[in-house]
Amino acid sequence: MLPPDYQRILAVVREAAGPVMARQVGEVLGVDVRVRARLEPLCGKPVRPADRGWLRKLPDGRFTTRL
């Protein structure tokens, strides 16, 4: 079972119409993305599911579901 933070991130990426940036995930989750200190921790979170094969990280830094 994934921790709740990762479950929410995966849900946002799955529901998106296309690949998303960490900033877009933060906006959907209600993180104040204008404050760099709040955005930076979120930027690394989608990387872990991508490393495990649950998400796909594109060369431009966006994330999408695995195909």
PDB file of N, CA and C in Angstrom:
ATOM      1  N   MET A   1       0.834  -1.172   0.000  1.00  0.00           N
ATOM      2  CA  MET A   1       0.000   0.000   0.000  1.00  0.00           C
ATOM      3  C   MET A   1       0.890   1.250   0.000  1.00  0.00           C
ATOM      4  N   LEU A   2       0.520   2.195  -0.826  1.00  0.00           N
ATOM      5  CA  LEU A   2       1.254   3.453  -0.920  1.00  0.00           C
ATOM      6  C   LEU A   2       0.799   4.432   0.163  1.00  0.00           C
ATOM      7  N   PRO A   3       1.727   5.272   0.634  1.00  0.00           N
ATOM      8  CA  PRO A   3       1.322   6.333   1.550  1.00  0.00           C
ATOM      9  C   PRO A   3       0.309   7.262   0.871  1.00  0.00           C
ATOM     10  N   PRO A   4      -0.535   7.918   1.647  1.00  0.00           N
ATOM     11  CA  PRO A   4      -1.591   8.769   1.080  1.00  0.00           C
ATOM     12  C   PRO A   4      -1.084   9.846   0.118  1.00  0.00           C
ATOM     13  N   ASP A   5       0.072  10.451   0.403  1.00  0.00           N
ATOM     14  CA  ASP A   5       0.610  11.484  -0.502  1.00  0.00           C
ATOM     15  C   ASP A   5       0.819  10.930  -1.901  1.00  0.00           C
ATOM     16  N   TYR A   6       1.401   9.761  -1.984  1.00  0.00           N
ATOM     17  CA  TYR A   6       1.678   9.158  -3.286  1.00  0.00           C
ATOM     18  C   TYR A   6       0.390   8.705  -3.973  1.00  0.00           C
ATOM     19  N   GLN A   7      -0.581   8.234  -3.198  1.00  0.00           N
ATOM     20  CA  GLN A   7      -1.867   7.853  -3.782  1.00  0.00           C
ATOM     21  C   GLN A   7      -2.536   9.057  -4.436  1.00  0.00           C
ATOM     22  N   ARG A   8      -2.468  10.211  -3.766  1.00  0.00           N
ATOM     23  CA  ARG A   8      -3.071  11.430  -4.327  1.00  0.00           C
ATOM     24  C   ARG A   8      -2.336  11.870  -5.591  1.00  0.00           C
ATOM     25  N   ILE A   9      -1.014  11.783  -5.586  1.00  0.00           N
ATOM     26  CA  ILE A   9      -0.222  12.166  -6.771  1.00  0.00           C
ATOM     27  C   ILE A   9      -0.573  11.264  -7.943  1.00  0.00           C
ATOM     28  N   LEU A  10      -0.622   9.963  -7.712  1.00  0.00           N
ATOM     29  CA  LEU A  10      -0.974   9.025  -8.783  1.00  0.00           C
ATOM     30  C   LEU A  10      -2.374   9.309  -9.316  1.00  0.00           C
ATOM     31  N   ALA A  11      -3.307   9.626  -8.433  1.00  0.00           N
ATOM     32  CA  ALA A  11      -4.683   9.921  -8.863  1.00  0.00           C
ATOM     33  C   ALA A  11      -4.730  11.169  -9.740  1.00  0.00           C
ATOM     34  N   VAL A  12      -3.969  12.203  -9.367  1.00  0.00           N
ATOM     35  CA  VAL A  12      -3.947  13.435 -10.160  1.00  0.00           C
ATOM     36  C   VAL A  12      -3.388  13.160 -11.546  1.00  0.00           C
ATOM     37  N   VAL A  13      -2.299  12.412 -11.626  1.00  0.00           N
ATOM     38  CA  VAL A  13      -1.685  12.120 -12.928  1.00  0.00           C
ATOM     39  C   VAL A  13      -2.622  11.270 -13.774  1.00  0.00           C
ATOM     40  N   ARG A  14      -3.287  10.305 -13.174  1.00  0.00           N
ATOM     41  CA  ARG A  14      -4.225   9.456 -13.925  1.00  0.00           C
ATOM     42  C   ARG A  14      -5.403  10.251 -14.479  1.00  0.00           C
ATOM     43  N   GLU A  15      -5.891  11.220 -13.717  1.00  0.00           N
ATOM     44  CA  GLU A  15      -7.061  11.995 -14.122  1.00  0.00           C
ATOM     45  C   GLU A  15      -6.728  13.112 -15.106  1.00  0.00           C
ATOM     46  N   ALA A  16      -5.459  13.425 -15.258  1.00  0.00           N
ATOM     47  CA  ALA A  16      -5.063  14.519 -16.153  1.00  0.00           C
ATOM     48  C   ALA A  16      -5.294  14.116 -17.611  1.00  0.00           C
ATOM     49  N   ALA A  17      -5.551  15.120 -18.432  1.00  0.00           N
ATOM     50  CA  ALA A  17      -5.802  14.880 -19.854  1.00  0.00           C
ATOM     51  C   ALA A  17      -4.520  14.517 -20.602  1.00  0.00           C
ATOM     52  N   GLY A  18      -3.386  14.814 -20.032  1.00  0.00           N
ATOM     53  CA  GLY A  18      -2.102  14.530 -20.663  1.00  0.00           C
ATOM     54  C   GLY A  18      -1.008  14.595 -19.618  1.00  0.00           C
ATOM     55  N   PRO A  19       0.232  14.600 -20.050  1.00  0.00           N
ATOM     56  CA  PRO A  19       1.350  14.687 -19.109  1.00  0.00           C
ATOM     57  C   PRO A  19       1.280  15.969 -18.273  1.00  0.00           C
ATOM     58  N   VAL A  20       1.706  15.891 -17.010  1.00  0.00           N
ATOM     59  CA  VAL A  20       1.641  17.025 -16.095  1.00  0.00           C
ATOM     60  C   VAL A  20       2.998  17.290 -15.455  1.00  0.00           C
ATOM     61  N   MET A  21       3.198  18.551 -15.092  1.00  0.00           N
ATOM     62  CA  MET A  21       4.377  18.964 -14.338  1.00  0.00           C
ATOM     63  C   MET A  21       4.049  18.861 -12.850  1.00  0.00           C
ATOM     64  N   ALA A  22       5.083  18.821 -12.014  1.00  0.00           N
ATOM     65  CA  ALA A  22       4.875  18.768 -10.564  1.00  0.00           C
ATOM     66  C   ALA A  22       4.083  19.984 -10.097  1.00  0.00           C
ATOM     67  N   ARG A  23       4.285  21.124 -10.721  1.00  0.00           N
ATOM     68  CA  ARG A  23       3.552  22.347 -10.362  1.00  0.00           C
ATOM     69  C   ARG A  23       2.045  22.137 -10.549  1.00  0.00           C
ATOM     70  N   GLN A  24       1.653  21.481 -11.633  1.00  0.00           N
ATOM     71  CA  GLN A  24       0.234  21.236 -11.898  1.00  0.00           C
ATOM     72  C   GLN A  24      -0.348  20.273 -10.867  1.00  0.00           C
ATOM     73  N   VAL A  25       0.439  19.281 -10.471  1.00  0.00           N
ATOM     74  CA  VAL A  25      -0.010  18.350  -9.434  1.00  0.00           C
ATOM     75  C   VAL A  25      -0.243  19.120  -8.139  1.00  0.00           C
ATOM     76  N   GLY A  26       0.686  20.003  -7.807  1.00  0.00           N
ATOM     77  CA  GLY A  26       0.552  20.817  -6.603  1.00  0.00           C
ATOM     78  C   GLY A  26      -0.679  21.686  -6.622  1.00  0.00           C
ATOM     79  N   GLU A  27      -0.976  22.272  -7.767  1.00  0.00           N
ATOM     80  CA  GLU A  27      -2.173  23.120  -7.881  1.00  0.00           C
ATOM     81  C   GLU A  27      -3.435  22.313  -7.593  1.00  0.00           C
ATOM     82  N   VAL A  28      -3.514  21.116  -8.137  1.00  0.00           N
ATOM     83  CA  VAL A  28      -4.698  20.269  -7.914  1.00  0.00           C
ATOM     84  C   VAL A  28      -4.783  19.837  -6.450  1.00  0.00           C
ATOM     85  N   LEU A  29      -3.631  19.597  -5.827  1.00  0.00           N
ATOM     86  CA  LEU A  29      -3.621  19.154  -4.433  1.00  0.00           C
ATOM     87  C   LEU A  29      -3.791  20.303  -3.444  1.00  0.00           C
ATOM     88  N   GLY A  30      -3.822  21.529  -3.956  1.00  0.00           N
ATOM     89  CA  GLY A  30      -4.032  22.674  -3.079  1.00  0.00           C
ATOM     90  C   GLY A  30      -2.774  23.250  -2.466  1.00  0.00           C
ATOM     91  N   VAL A  31      -1.612  22.915  -2.999  1.00  0.00           N
ATOM     92  CA  VAL A  31      -0.346  23.458  -2.512  1.00  0.00           C
ATOM     93  C   VAL A  31      -0.165  24.858  -3.104  1.00  0.00           C
ATOM     94  N   ASP A  32       0.285  25.791  -2.292  1.00  0.00           N
ATOM     95  CA  ASP A  32       0.542  27.146  -2.780  1.00  0.00           C
ATOM     96  C   ASP A  32       1.833  27.108  -3.597  1.00  0.00           C
ATOM     97  N   VAL A  33       1.699  26.926  -4.914  1.00  0.00           N
ATOM     98  CA  VAL A  33       2.857  26.739  -5.785  1.00  0.00           C
ATOM     99  C   VAL A  33       3.616  28.035  -6.035  1.00  0.00           C
ATOM    100  N   ARG A  34       3.067  29.165  -5.596  1.00  0.00           N
ATOM    101  CA  ARG A  34       3.790  30.437  -5.745  1.00  0.00           C
ATOM    102  C   ARG A  34       4.932  30.530  -4.750  1.00  0.00           C
ATOM    103  N   VAL A  35       4.867  29.755  -3.668  1.00  0.00           N
ATOM    104  CA  VAL A  35       5.901  29.757  -2.640  1.00  0.00           C
ATOM    105  C   VAL A  35       6.855  28.605  -2.933  1.00  0.00           C
ATOM    106  N   ARG A  36       8.072  28.957  -3.286  1.00  0.00           N
ATOM    107  CA  ARG A  36       9.055  27.941  -3.687  1.00  0.00           C
ATOM    108  C   ARG A  36       9.287  26.884  -2.602  1.00  0.00           C
ATOM    109  N   ALA A  37       9.284  27.289  -1.353  1.00  0.00           N
ATOM    110  CA  ALA A  37       9.525  26.350  -0.258  1.00  0.00           C
ATOM    111  C   ALA A  37       8.421  25.291  -0.158  1.00  0.00           C
ATOM    112  N   ARG A  38       7.243  25.605  -0.640  1.00  0.00           N
ATOM    113  CA  ARG A  38       6.146  24.630  -0.620  1.00  0.00           C
ATOM    114  C   ARG A  38       6.174  23.739  -1.859  1.00  0.00           C
ATOM    115  N   LEU A  39       6.694  24.254  -2.959  1.00  0.00           N
ATOM    116  CA  LEU A  39       6.711  23.509  -4.212  1.00  0.00           C
ATOM    117  C   LEU A  39       7.877  22.526  -4.281  1.00  0.00           C
ATOM    118  N   GLU A  40       9.027  22.904  -3.760  1.00  0.00           N
ATOM    119  CA  GLU A  40      10.216  22.056  -3.889  1.00  0.00           C
ATOM    120  C   GLU A  40      10.043  20.642  -3.332  1.00  0.00           C
ATOM    121  N   PRO A  41       9.465  20.471  -2.136  1.00  0.00           N
ATOM    122  CA  PRO A  41       9.279  19.086  -1.658  1.00  0.00           C
ATOM    123  C   PRO A  41       8.368  18.269  -2.575  1.00  0.00           C
ATOM    124  N   LEU A  42       7.412  18.922  -3.195  1.00  0.00           N
ATOM    125  CA  LEU A  42       6.488  18.229  -4.087  1.00  0.00           C
ATOM    126  C   LEU A  42       7.172  17.799  -5.379  1.00  0.00           C
ATOM    127  N   CYS A  43       8.172  18.546  -5.813  1.00  0.00           N
ATOM    128  CA  CYS A  43       8.842  18.233  -7.078  1.00  0.00           C
ATOM    129  C   CYS A  43       9.494  16.858  -7.072  1.00  0.00           C
ATOM    130  N   GLY A  44       9.988  16.423  -5.938  1.00  0.00           N
ATOM    131  CA  GLY A  44      10.637  15.121  -5.861  1.00  0.00           C
ATOM    132  C   GLY A  44       9.688  13.957  -5.667  1.00  0.00           C
ATOM    133  N   LYS A  45       8.486  14.227  -5.232  1.00  0.00           N
ATOM    134  CA  LYS A  45       7.559  13.126  -4.928  1.00  0.00           C
ATOM    135  C   LYS A  45       7.146  12.308  -6.142  1.00  0.00           C
ATOM    136  N   PRO A  46       6.848  12.877  -7.304  1.00  0.00           N
ATOM    137  CA  PRO A  46       6.484  12.025  -8.439  1.00  0.00           C
ATOM    138  C   PRO A  46       7.669  11.199  -8.977  1.00  0.00           C
ATOM    139  N   VAL A  47       8.883  11.562  -8.596  1.00  0.00           N
ATOM    140  CA  VAL A  47      10.053  10.833  -9.086  1.00  0.00           C
ATOM    141  C   VAL A  47      10.088   9.416  -8.515  1.00  0.00           C
ATOM    142  N   ARG A  48       9.737   9.268  -7.248  1.00  0.00           N
ATOM    143  CA  ARG A  48       9.761   7.922  -6.644  1.00  0.00           C
ATOM    144  C   ARG A  48       8.820   6.946  -7.346  1.00  0.00           C
ATOM    145  N   PRO A  49       7.555   7.305  -7.574  1.00  0.00           N
ATOM    146  CA  PRO A  49       6.698   6.371  -8.317  1.00  0.00           C
ATOM    147  C   PRO A  49       7.207   6.132  -9.740  1.00  0.00           C
ATOM    148  N   ALA A  50       7.836   7.125 -10.338  1.00  0.00           N
ATOM    149  CA  ALA A  50       8.396   6.936 -11.683  1.00  0.00           C
ATOM    150  C   ALA A  50       9.567   5.953 -11.632  1.00  0.00           C
ATOM    151  N   ASP A  51      10.393   6.046 -10.610  1.00  0.00           N
ATOM    152  CA  ASP A  51      11.512   5.109 -10.463  1.00  0.00           C
ATOM    153  C   ASP A  51      11.031   3.683 -10.255  1.00  0.00           C
ATOM    154  N   ARG A  52       9.867   3.537  -9.652  1.00  0.00           N
ATOM    155  CA  ARG A  52       9.314   2.205  -9.391  1.00  0.00           C
ATOM    156  C   ARG A  52       8.438   1.697 -10.534  1.00  0.00           C
ATOM    157  N   GLY A  53       8.255   2.525 -11.566  1.00  0.00           N
ATOM    158  CA  GLY A  53       7.492   2.091 -12.724  1.00  0.00           C
ATOM    159  C   GLY A  53       6.007   2.372 -12.655  1.00  0.00           C
ATOM    160  N   TRP A  54       5.549   3.098 -11.636  1.00  0.00           N
ATOM    161  CA  TRP A  54       4.120   3.398 -11.514  1.00  0.00           C
ATOM    162  C   TRP A  54       3.734   4.605 -12.346  1.00  0.00           C
ATOM    163  N   LEU A  55       4.677   5.496 -12.580  1.00  0.00           N
ATOM    164  CA  LEU A  55       4.494   6.644 -13.451  1.00  0.00           C
ATOM    165  C   LEU A  55       5.621   6.629 -14.479  1.00  0.00           C
ATOM    166  N   ARG A  56       5.458   7.430 -15.489  1.00  0.00           N
ATOM    167  CA  ARG A  56       6.498   7.563 -16.506  1.00  0.00           C
ATOM    168  C   ARG A  56       6.963   9.013 -16.518  1.00  0.00           C
ATOM    169  N   LYS A  57       8.270   9.236 -16.363  1.00  0.00           N
ATOM    170  CA  LYS A  57       8.821  10.581 -16.413  1.00  0.00           C
ATOM    171  C   LYS A  57       9.321  10.830 -17.829  1.00  0.00           C
ATOM    172  N   LEU A  58       8.798  11.861 -18.450  1.00  0.00           N
ATOM    173  CA  LEU A  58       9.190  12.218 -19.807  1.00  0.00           C
ATOM    174  C   LEU A  58      10.472  13.053 -19.775  1.00  0.00           C
ATOM    175  N   PRO A  59      11.212  13.096 -20.886  1.00  0.00           N
ATOM    176  CA  PRO A  59      12.471  13.861 -20.905  1.00  0.00           C
ATOM    177  C   PRO A  59      12.310  15.346 -20.555  1.00  0.00           C
ATOM    178  N   ASP A  60      11.129  15.909 -20.777  1.00  0.00           N
ATOM    179  CA  ASP A  60      10.930  17.327 -20.471  1.00  0.00           C
ATOM    180  C   ASP A  60      10.516  17.572 -19.028  1.00  0.00           C
ATOM    181  N   GLY A  61      10.494  16.524 -18.188  1.00  0.00           N
ATOM    182  CA  GLY A  61      10.190  16.666 -16.775  1.00  0.00           C
ATOM    183  C   GLY A  61       8.736  16.467 -16.398  1.00  0.00           C
ATOM    184  N   ARG A  62       7.881  16.224 -17.383  1.00  0.00           N
ATOM    185  CA  ARG A  62       6.475  15.972 -17.090  1.00  0.00           C
ATOM    186  C   ARG A  62       6.278  14.498 -16.747  1.00  0.00           C
ATOM    187  N   PHE A  63       5.153  14.212 -16.108  1.00  0.00           N
ATOM    188  CA  PHE A  63       4.827  12.854 -15.685  1.00  0.00           C
ATOM    189  C   PHE A  63       3.521  12.413 -16.314  1.00  0.00           C
ATOM    190  N   THR A  64       3.449  11.122 -16.619  1.00  0.00           N
ATOM    191  CA  THR A  64       2.246  10.537 -17.187  1.00  0.00           C
ATOM    192  C   THR A  64       2.113   9.114 -16.645  1.00  0.00           C
ATOM    193  N   THR A  65       0.973   8.509 -16.900  1.00  0.00           N
ATOM    194  CA  THR A  65       0.784   7.125 -16.461  1.00  0.00           C
ATOM    195  C   THR A  65       1.580   6.199 -17.372  1.00  0.00           C
ATOM    196  N   ARG A  66       1.902   5.049 -16.857  1.00  0.00           N
ATOM    197  CA  ARG A  66       2.617   4.049 -17.674  1.00  0.00           C
ATOM    198  C   ARG A  66       1.683   3.530 -18.738  1.00  0.00           C
ATOM    199  N   LEU A  67       2.203   3.295 -19.919  1.00  0.00           N
ATOM    200  CA  LEU A  67       1.380   2.756 -20.994  1.00  0.00           C
ATOM    201  C   LEU A  67       1.567   1.271 -21.138  1.00  0.00           C
TER     202      LEU A  67
END
